[in-house]
Amino acid sequence: MTSIVVGRTTDPDGQSRAPLVLDDATSARLGRIRQRDTEPEQRVRKLLHGMGYRFRVSNRDLPGSPDLANRHRHWAVLVHGCFWHAHHGCHRATIPKRNRAFWVKKFETNRARDARAVRALRGLGYTTVVVWECETENADTLTSRLRQELRHVAS
């Protein structure tokens, strides 16, 4: 079993970060995690499209790179994984025991970045909705919530 060190000694904000030490199995497992077109994201797309909303999925030039956005109507949806974005009170938002200091810092950094992205989008006049992975399991509840959050933007 080979161990490798992954990560930077500083994050983009200049904060020092503990390196993540991975074995081959962990590295392979983390490498299979999708960043785009995840199942929760696809569920949200399907619901919004069925409700008559139209959107783009390539939004890297907007703050936070929202998963879905309508630039004409000024709304954006960010679909967050409960683990990676440390969803408070969710059973999926666990902190790994191995490299605990690294993960605690990473989750804090992720949450701060998420908050900055939402503030920046709202500063640009966007209605911003954050949908958590666990919320995508109940389509009826999520449809009601999205309808309520996006009620003032035309579909």
N, C-alpha and C. Protein backbone atom coordinates (compact mmCIF):
# COMPACT_ATOMS: atom_id res chain seq x y z
N MET A 1 0.85 -1.18 0.00
CA MET A 1 0.00 0.00 0.00
C MET A 1 0.89 1.23 0.00
N THR A 2 0.72 2.08 -0.98
CA THR A 2 1.49 3.29 -1.10
C THR A 2 0.70 4.47 -0.58
N SER A 3 1.34 5.35 0.15
CA SER A 3 0.67 6.58 0.61
C SER A 3 1.19 7.74 -0.21
N ILE A 4 0.29 8.63 -0.56
CA ILE A 4 0.67 9.83 -1.29
C ILE A 4 0.11 11.03 -0.55
N VAL A 5 0.78 12.16 -0.71
CA VAL A 5 0.31 13.40 -0.11
C VAL A 5 -0.36 14.21 -1.20
N VAL A 6 -1.60 14.61 -0.95
CA VAL A 6 -2.39 15.36 -1.91
C VAL A 6 -2.72 16.71 -1.31
N GLY A 7 -2.81 17.71 -2.13
CA GLY A 7 -3.25 19.02 -1.65
C GLY A 7 -2.13 20.03 -1.61
N ARG A 8 -2.54 21.23 -1.28
CA ARG A 8 -1.60 22.34 -1.22
C ARG A 8 -1.26 22.62 0.23
N THR A 9 -0.18 23.31 0.42
CA THR A 9 0.14 23.73 1.78
C THR A 9 -0.62 25.01 2.13
N THR A 10 -1.14 25.71 1.10
CA THR A 10 -1.99 26.88 1.34
C THR A 10 -3.19 26.78 0.41
N ASP A 11 -4.34 27.28 0.89
CA ASP A 11 -5.53 27.28 0.03
C ASP A 11 -5.57 28.59 -0.75
N PRO A 12 -6.56 28.79 -1.63
CA PRO A 12 -6.61 30.00 -2.46
C PRO A 12 -6.68 31.30 -1.66
N ASP A 13 -7.15 31.25 -0.41
CA ASP A 13 -7.23 32.45 0.42
C ASP A 13 -5.93 32.72 1.17
N GLY A 14 -4.91 31.90 0.94
CA GLY A 14 -3.64 32.09 1.60
C GLY A 14 -3.55 31.45 2.97
N GLN A 15 -4.58 30.74 3.39
CA GLN A 15 -4.59 30.07 4.69
C GLN A 15 -3.80 28.77 4.58
N SER A 16 -3.01 28.46 5.61
CA SER A 16 -2.28 27.20 5.57
C SER A 16 -3.24 26.05 5.80
N ARG A 17 -2.97 24.96 5.16
CA ARG A 17 -3.86 23.81 5.22
C ARG A 17 -3.00 22.56 5.44
N ALA A 18 -3.49 21.68 6.30
CA ALA A 18 -2.78 20.43 6.54
C ALA A 18 -2.86 19.58 5.28
N PRO A 19 -1.76 18.94 4.89
CA PRO A 19 -1.82 18.08 3.70
C PRO A 19 -2.67 16.85 3.97
N LEU A 20 -3.31 16.36 2.94
CA LEU A 20 -4.12 15.15 3.03
C LEU A 20 -3.26 13.98 2.61
N VAL A 21 -3.14 12.99 3.48
CA VAL A 21 -2.37 11.80 3.17
C VAL A 21 -3.36 10.71 2.77
N LEU A 22 -3.18 10.18 1.57
CA LEU A 22 -4.10 9.17 1.04
C LEU A 22 -3.37 7.88 0.72
N ASP A 23 -4.03 6.76 0.97
CA ASP A 23 -3.51 5.50 0.47
C ASP A 23 -4.13 5.28 -0.91
N ASP A 24 -3.71 4.25 -1.61
CA ASP A 24 -4.18 4.00 -2.96
C ASP A 24 -5.70 3.81 -3.02
N ALA A 25 -6.26 3.08 -2.07
CA ALA A 25 -7.70 2.80 -2.09
C ALA A 25 -8.51 4.08 -1.88
N THR A 26 -8.07 4.91 -0.94
CA THR A 26 -8.78 6.17 -0.68
C THR A 26 -8.66 7.10 -1.88
N SER A 27 -7.49 7.16 -2.46
CA SER A 27 -7.29 8.00 -3.63
C SER A 27 -8.20 7.58 -4.78
N ALA A 28 -8.30 6.27 -5.00
CA ALA A 28 -9.16 5.77 -6.07
C ALA A 28 -10.63 6.08 -5.78
N ARG A 29 -11.04 5.92 -4.53
CA ARG A 29 -12.43 6.18 -4.15
C ARG A 29 -12.77 7.66 -4.33
N LEU A 30 -11.90 8.55 -3.88
CA LEU A 30 -12.16 9.99 -4.03
C LEU A 30 -12.14 10.41 -5.49
N GLY A 31 -11.32 9.73 -6.29
CA GLY A 31 -11.23 10.06 -7.71
C GLY A 31 -12.49 9.73 -8.49
N ARG A 32 -13.32 8.84 -7.94
CA ARG A 32 -14.55 8.46 -8.63
C ARG A 32 -15.72 9.39 -8.30
N ILE A 33 -15.53 10.33 -7.40
CA ILE A 33 -16.61 11.23 -7.03
C ILE A 33 -16.78 12.30 -8.10
N ARG A 34 -18.00 12.40 -8.61
CA ARG A 34 -18.29 13.36 -9.68
C ARG A 34 -18.41 14.77 -9.13
N GLN A 35 -18.02 15.73 -9.94
CA GLN A 35 -18.19 17.14 -9.58
C GLN A 35 -19.36 17.76 -10.35
N ARG A 36 -19.64 17.22 -11.52
CA ARG A 36 -20.72 17.73 -12.37
C ARG A 36 -21.68 16.59 -12.69
N ASP A 37 -22.90 16.96 -13.00
CA ASP A 37 -23.91 15.99 -13.44
C ASP A 37 -24.15 14.90 -12.39
N THR A 38 -24.13 15.29 -11.13
CA THR A 38 -24.39 14.32 -10.07
C THR A 38 -25.87 13.96 -10.05
N GLU A 39 -26.21 12.88 -9.39
CA GLU A 39 -27.60 12.45 -9.33
C GLU A 39 -28.51 13.52 -8.69
N PRO A 40 -28.10 14.13 -7.55
CA PRO A 40 -28.95 15.19 -6.98
C PRO A 40 -29.14 16.36 -7.96
N GLU A 41 -28.08 16.73 -8.65
CA GLU A 41 -28.16 17.83 -9.62
C GLU A 41 -29.13 17.46 -10.75
N GLN A 42 -29.08 16.23 -11.23
CA GLN A 42 -29.97 15.80 -12.30
C GLN A 42 -31.43 15.77 -11.84
N ARG A 43 -31.65 15.41 -10.58
CA ARG A 43 -33.02 15.44 -10.04
C ARG A 43 -33.58 16.86 -10.03
N VAL A 44 -32.75 17.81 -9.61
CA VAL A 44 -33.19 19.21 -9.57
C VAL A 44 -33.46 19.71 -10.99
N ARG A 45 -32.58 19.38 -11.93
CA ARG A 45 -32.78 19.77 -13.33
C ARG A 45 -34.13 19.26 -13.84
N LYS A 46 -34.40 17.98 -13.59
CA LYS A 46 -35.63 17.37 -14.08
C LYS A 46 -36.86 18.06 -13.48
N LEU A 47 -36.83 18.33 -12.18
CA LEU A 47 -37.96 19.00 -11.53
C LEU A 47 -38.18 20.40 -12.10
N LEU A 48 -37.10 21.18 -12.19
CA LEU A 48 -37.23 22.55 -12.69
C LEU A 48 -37.71 22.57 -14.14
N HIS A 49 -37.16 21.69 -14.94
CA HIS A 49 -37.56 21.65 -16.35
C HIS A 49 -39.04 21.28 -16.45
N GLY A 50 -39.47 20.32 -15.63
CA GLY A 50 -40.88 19.92 -15.62
C GLY A 50 -41.80 21.04 -15.15
N MET A 51 -41.28 21.95 -14.35
CA MET A 51 -42.05 23.09 -13.86
C MET A 51 -42.06 24.23 -14.89
N GLY A 52 -41.33 24.07 -15.98
CA GLY A 52 -41.31 25.08 -17.03
C GLY A 52 -40.14 26.04 -16.96
N TYR A 53 -39.23 25.85 -16.02
CA TYR A 53 -38.06 26.73 -15.92
C TYR A 53 -37.00 26.29 -16.91
N ARG A 54 -36.34 27.26 -17.51
CA ARG A 54 -35.26 26.98 -18.45
C ARG A 54 -33.98 27.57 -17.87
N PHE A 55 -32.86 26.90 -18.13
CA PHE A 55 -31.62 27.27 -17.46
C PHE A 55 -30.43 26.76 -18.25
N ARG A 56 -29.26 27.22 -17.85
CA ARG A 56 -28.00 26.74 -18.40
C ARG A 56 -27.25 26.02 -17.29
N VAL A 57 -26.43 25.05 -17.67
CA VAL A 57 -25.64 24.31 -16.69
C VAL A 57 -24.16 24.68 -16.73
N SER A 58 -23.72 25.42 -17.70
CA SER A 58 -22.33 25.87 -17.79
C SER A 58 -22.27 27.31 -17.33
N ASN A 59 -21.93 27.48 -16.06
CA ASN A 59 -21.97 28.81 -15.46
C ASN A 59 -20.68 29.13 -14.71
N ARG A 60 -19.56 28.71 -15.27
CA ARG A 60 -18.28 28.90 -14.58
C ARG A 60 -17.89 30.36 -14.44
N ASP A 61 -18.49 31.24 -15.24
CA ASP A 61 -18.14 32.65 -15.15
C ASP A 61 -18.96 33.39 -14.09
N LEU A 62 -19.94 32.75 -13.49
CA LEU A 62 -20.71 33.36 -12.41
C LEU A 62 -20.07 32.98 -11.07
N PRO A 63 -20.20 33.84 -10.06
CA PRO A 63 -19.62 33.51 -8.74
C PRO A 63 -20.15 32.18 -8.22
N GLY A 64 -19.25 31.33 -7.78
CA GLY A 64 -19.63 30.03 -7.24
C GLY A 64 -19.98 28.99 -8.28
N SER A 65 -19.91 29.33 -9.55
CA SER A 65 -20.27 28.40 -10.64
C SER A 65 -21.56 27.65 -10.34
N PRO A 66 -22.69 28.36 -10.28
CA PRO A 66 -23.94 27.67 -9.93
C PRO A 66 -24.23 26.50 -10.86
N ASP A 67 -24.85 25.48 -10.30
CA ASP A 67 -25.16 24.28 -11.09
C ASP A 67 -26.19 24.58 -12.18
N LEU A 68 -27.14 25.46 -11.87
CA LEU A 68 -28.17 25.86 -12.83
C LEU A 68 -28.35 27.37 -12.72
N ALA A 69 -28.51 28.03 -13.84
CA ALA A 69 -28.74 29.47 -13.79
C ALA A 69 -29.50 29.93 -15.03
N ASN A 70 -30.34 30.94 -14.82
CA ASN A 70 -31.02 31.62 -15.91
C ASN A 70 -30.57 33.08 -15.83
N ARG A 71 -29.71 33.47 -16.74
CA ARG A 71 -29.13 34.81 -16.71
C ARG A 71 -30.14 35.89 -17.07
N HIS A 72 -31.09 35.55 -17.91
CA HIS A 72 -32.11 36.53 -18.31
C HIS A 72 -33.05 36.85 -17.15
N ARG A 73 -33.46 35.83 -16.42
CA ARG A 73 -34.39 36.00 -15.29
C ARG A 73 -33.65 36.21 -13.96
N HIS A 74 -32.34 36.12 -13.97
CA HIS A 74 -31.50 36.34 -12.80
C HIS A 74 -31.83 35.43 -11.62
N TRP A 75 -31.75 34.12 -11.86
CA TRP A 75 -31.85 33.18 -10.75
C TRP A 75 -30.79 32.10 -10.93
N ALA A 76 -30.37 31.53 -9.80
CA ALA A 76 -29.34 30.50 -9.80
C ALA A 76 -29.65 29.48 -8.71
N VAL A 77 -29.32 28.24 -9.01
CA VAL A 77 -29.50 27.15 -8.05
C VAL A 77 -28.16 26.46 -7.86
N LEU A 78 -27.76 26.32 -6.60
CA LEU A 78 -26.55 25.59 -6.26
C LEU A 78 -26.98 24.30 -5.56
N VAL A 79 -26.57 23.17 -6.10
CA VAL A 79 -26.91 21.87 -5.50
C VAL A 79 -25.67 21.41 -4.73
N HIS A 80 -25.82 21.36 -3.41
CA HIS A 80 -24.68 21.01 -2.55
C HIS A 80 -24.79 19.59 -2.03
N GLY A 81 -23.67 18.88 -2.08
CA GLY A 81 -23.58 17.58 -1.44
C GLY A 81 -23.48 17.78 0.06
N CYS A 82 -24.24 17.03 0.81
CA CYS A 82 -24.27 17.21 2.27
C CYS A 82 -22.91 16.96 2.91
N PHE A 83 -22.17 15.98 2.41
CA PHE A 83 -20.84 15.70 2.97
C PHE A 83 -19.86 16.82 2.65
N TRP A 84 -19.70 17.14 1.37
CA TRP A 84 -18.66 18.09 0.94
C TRP A 84 -18.92 19.51 1.41
N HIS A 85 -20.18 19.86 1.63
CA HIS A 85 -20.50 21.23 2.03
C HIS A 85 -20.94 21.31 3.49
N ALA A 86 -20.75 20.23 4.23
CA ALA A 86 -20.98 20.16 5.68
C ALA A 86 -22.37 20.67 6.07
N HIS A 87 -23.40 19.98 5.58
CA HIS A 87 -24.79 20.34 5.87
C HIS A 87 -25.08 20.08 7.35
N HIS A 88 -25.28 21.17 8.10
CA HIS A 88 -25.53 21.07 9.54
C HIS A 88 -26.78 20.24 9.82
N GLY A 89 -26.65 19.30 10.75
CA GLY A 89 -27.78 18.49 11.17
C GLY A 89 -28.12 17.32 10.24
N CYS A 90 -27.35 17.11 9.21
CA CYS A 90 -27.62 16.03 8.27
C CYS A 90 -26.74 14.83 8.61
N HIS A 91 -27.33 13.64 8.54
CA HIS A 91 -26.57 12.43 8.86
C HIS A 91 -25.47 12.13 7.85
N ARG A 92 -25.55 12.74 6.68
CA ARG A 92 -24.52 12.53 5.65
C ARG A 92 -23.28 13.41 5.87
N ALA A 93 -23.40 14.42 6.69
CA ALA A 93 -22.32 15.38 6.89
C ALA A 93 -21.43 14.93 8.04
N THR A 94 -20.70 13.87 7.80
CA THR A 94 -19.80 13.33 8.81
C THR A 94 -18.39 13.87 8.59
N ILE A 95 -17.59 13.78 9.63
CA ILE A 95 -16.19 14.18 9.51
C ILE A 95 -15.36 12.90 9.60
N PRO A 96 -14.58 12.60 8.58
CA PRO A 96 -13.76 11.39 8.63
C PRO A 96 -12.81 11.40 9.83
N LYS A 97 -12.59 10.24 10.41
CA LYS A 97 -11.70 10.13 11.56
C LYS A 97 -10.24 10.29 11.15
N ARG A 98 -9.92 9.80 9.97
CA ARG A 98 -8.55 9.89 9.47
C ARG A 98 -8.32 11.29 8.91
N ASN A 99 -7.22 11.90 9.24
CA ASN A 99 -6.88 13.26 8.80
C ASN A 99 -7.94 14.27 9.24
N ARG A 100 -8.45 14.10 10.46
CA ARG A 100 -9.55 14.91 10.95
C ARG A 100 -9.28 16.42 10.85
N ALA A 101 -8.10 16.87 11.21
CA ALA A 101 -7.78 18.30 11.16
C ALA A 101 -7.91 18.83 9.72
N PHE A 102 -7.42 18.04 8.77
CA PHE A 102 -7.53 18.44 7.36
C PHE A 102 -9.00 18.62 6.97
N TRP A 103 -9.84 17.62 7.31
CA TRP A 103 -11.24 17.65 6.89
C TRP A 103 -12.01 18.78 7.57
N VAL A 104 -11.76 19.01 8.85
CA VAL A 104 -12.44 20.11 9.55
C VAL A 104 -12.11 21.43 8.87
N LYS A 105 -10.85 21.66 8.57
CA LYS A 105 -10.43 22.89 7.89
C LYS A 105 -11.04 22.97 6.49
N LYS A 106 -11.04 21.86 5.77
CA LYS A 106 -11.60 21.83 4.42
C LYS A 106 -13.08 22.20 4.43
N PHE A 107 -13.84 21.60 5.35
CA PHE A 107 -15.27 21.89 5.41
C PHE A 107 -15.53 23.34 5.81
N GLU A 108 -14.73 23.88 6.71
CA GLU A 108 -14.86 25.30 7.08
C GLU A 108 -14.60 26.18 5.87
N THR A 109 -13.56 25.87 5.12
CA THR A 109 -13.21 26.63 3.93
C THR A 109 -14.32 26.53 2.88
N ASN A 110 -14.86 25.33 2.69
CA ASN A 110 -15.94 25.14 1.72
C ASN A 110 -17.16 25.97 2.10
N ARG A 111 -17.53 25.95 3.38
CA ARG A 111 -18.71 26.71 3.83
C ARG A 111 -18.49 28.21 3.65
N ALA A 112 -17.29 28.69 3.95
CA ALA A 112 -17.00 30.12 3.77
C ALA A 112 -17.06 30.50 2.30
N ARG A 113 -16.50 29.65 1.43
CA ARG A 113 -16.54 29.90 -0.01
C ARG A 113 -17.98 29.91 -0.52
N ASP A 114 -18.79 28.96 -0.05
CA ASP A 114 -20.20 28.90 -0.44
C ASP A 114 -20.94 30.18 -0.05
N ALA A 115 -20.69 30.67 1.15
CA ALA A 115 -21.35 31.89 1.63
C ALA A 115 -20.93 33.10 0.78
N ARG A 116 -19.64 33.17 0.43
CA ARG A 116 -19.17 34.27 -0.43
C ARG A 116 -19.83 34.21 -1.80
N ALA A 117 -19.98 33.01 -2.34
CA ALA A 117 -20.58 32.85 -3.67
C ALA A 117 -22.04 33.30 -3.65
N VAL A 118 -22.79 32.91 -2.62
CA VAL A 118 -24.20 33.30 -2.53
C VAL A 118 -24.31 34.82 -2.39
N ARG A 119 -23.45 35.41 -1.54
CA ARG A 119 -23.47 36.88 -1.39
C ARG A 119 -23.16 37.58 -2.71
N ALA A 120 -22.17 37.06 -3.44
CA ALA A 120 -21.78 37.67 -4.72
C ALA A 120 -22.91 37.55 -5.74
N LEU A 121 -23.55 36.39 -5.81
CA LEU A 121 -24.67 36.22 -6.75
C LEU A 121 -25.82 37.17 -6.40
N ARG A 122 -26.14 37.25 -5.12
CA ARG A 122 -27.21 38.16 -4.70
C ARG A 122 -26.83 39.60 -4.96
N GLY A 123 -25.55 39.92 -4.82
CA GLY A 123 -25.07 41.26 -5.14
C GLY A 123 -25.24 41.60 -6.61
N LEU A 124 -25.23 40.60 -7.47
CA LEU A 124 -25.45 40.80 -8.90
C LEU A 124 -26.95 40.80 -9.25
N GLY A 125 -27.79 40.66 -8.23
CA GLY A 125 -29.23 40.70 -8.46
C GLY A 125 -29.87 39.35 -8.71
N TYR A 126 -29.16 38.26 -8.44
CA TYR A 126 -29.69 36.93 -8.67
C TYR A 126 -30.48 36.44 -7.46
N THR A 127 -31.61 35.81 -7.73
CA THR A 127 -32.30 35.04 -6.71
C THR A 127 -31.52 33.75 -6.61
N THR A 128 -31.07 33.41 -5.42
CA THR A 128 -30.18 32.27 -5.25
C THR A 128 -30.82 31.25 -4.34
N VAL A 129 -30.84 30.00 -4.79
CA VAL A 129 -31.41 28.90 -4.02
C VAL A 129 -30.33 27.84 -3.82
N VAL A 130 -30.14 27.43 -2.57
CA VAL A 130 -29.23 26.34 -2.27
C VAL A 130 -30.07 25.11 -1.98
N VAL A 131 -29.84 24.05 -2.74
CA VAL A 131 -30.55 22.79 -2.55
C VAL A 131 -29.54 21.78 -2.04
N TRP A 132 -29.87 21.14 -0.93
CA TRP A 132 -29.00 20.12 -0.35
C TRP A 132 -29.32 18.76 -0.94
N GLU A 133 -28.30 17.93 -1.05
CA GLU A 133 -28.44 16.58 -1.59
C GLU A 133 -29.58 15.81 -0.93
N CYS A 134 -29.70 15.90 0.40
CA CYS A 134 -30.74 15.15 1.11
C CYS A 134 -32.14 15.64 0.76
N GLU A 135 -32.27 16.90 0.33
CA GLU A 135 -33.58 17.45 -0.04
C GLU A 135 -34.08 16.89 -1.37
N THR A 136 -33.18 16.35 -2.17
CA THR A 136 -33.58 15.86 -3.49
C THR A 136 -34.26 14.50 -3.42
N GLU A 137 -34.28 13.89 -2.25
CA GLU A 137 -34.88 12.56 -2.12
C GLU A 137 -36.41 12.61 -2.14
N ASN A 138 -37.00 13.73 -1.75
CA ASN A 138 -38.45 13.87 -1.74
C ASN A 138 -38.84 14.88 -2.81
N ALA A 139 -39.27 14.40 -3.96
CA ALA A 139 -39.56 15.26 -5.11
C ALA A 139 -40.70 16.24 -4.82
N ASP A 140 -41.74 15.80 -4.12
CA ASP A 140 -42.88 16.69 -3.85
C ASP A 140 -42.48 17.86 -2.98
N THR A 141 -41.74 17.58 -1.91
CA THR A 141 -41.30 18.64 -1.00
C THR A 141 -40.36 19.60 -1.73
N LEU A 142 -39.44 19.05 -2.51
CA LEU A 142 -38.49 19.89 -3.24
C LEU A 142 -39.20 20.74 -4.28
N THR A 143 -40.17 20.18 -4.99
CA THR A 143 -40.93 20.95 -5.98
C THR A 143 -41.63 22.12 -5.31
N SER A 144 -42.26 21.88 -4.17
CA SER A 144 -42.93 22.97 -3.45
C SER A 144 -41.94 24.05 -3.04
N ARG A 145 -40.80 23.62 -2.53
CA ARG A 145 -39.79 24.59 -2.10
C ARG A 145 -39.27 25.42 -3.27
N LEU A 146 -38.94 24.76 -4.38
CA LEU A 146 -38.43 25.50 -5.54
C LEU A 146 -39.49 26.45 -6.08
N ARG A 147 -40.73 26.00 -6.13
CA ARG A 147 -41.81 26.87 -6.60
C ARG A 147 -41.92 28.11 -5.70
N GLN A 148 -41.80 27.91 -4.40
CA GLN A 148 -41.88 29.02 -3.45
C GLN A 148 -40.68 29.97 -3.60
N GLU A 149 -39.48 29.40 -3.70
CA GLU A 149 -38.26 30.22 -3.78
C GLU A 149 -38.17 31.00 -5.10
N LEU A 150 -38.69 30.40 -6.17
CA LEU A 150 -38.58 31.04 -7.49
C LEU A 150 -39.90 31.63 -7.95
N ARG A 151 -40.83 31.87 -7.03
CA ARG A 151 -42.18 32.31 -7.38
C ARG A 151 -42.23 33.64 -8.13
N HIS A 152 -41.30 34.53 -7.86
CA HIS A 152 -41.37 35.86 -8.49
C HIS A 152 -40.61 35.95 -9.81
N VAL A 153 -39.90 34.87 -10.19
CA VAL A 153 -39.22 34.89 -11.50
C VAL A 153 -40.08 34.11 -12.49
N ALA A 154 -40.25 34.64 -13.66
CA ALA A 154 -41.07 33.97 -14.67
C ALA A 154 -40.33 32.74 -15.17
N SER A 155 -41.08 31.70 -15.45
CA SER A 155 -40.45 30.48 -15.99
C SER A 155 -40.29 30.67 -17.46
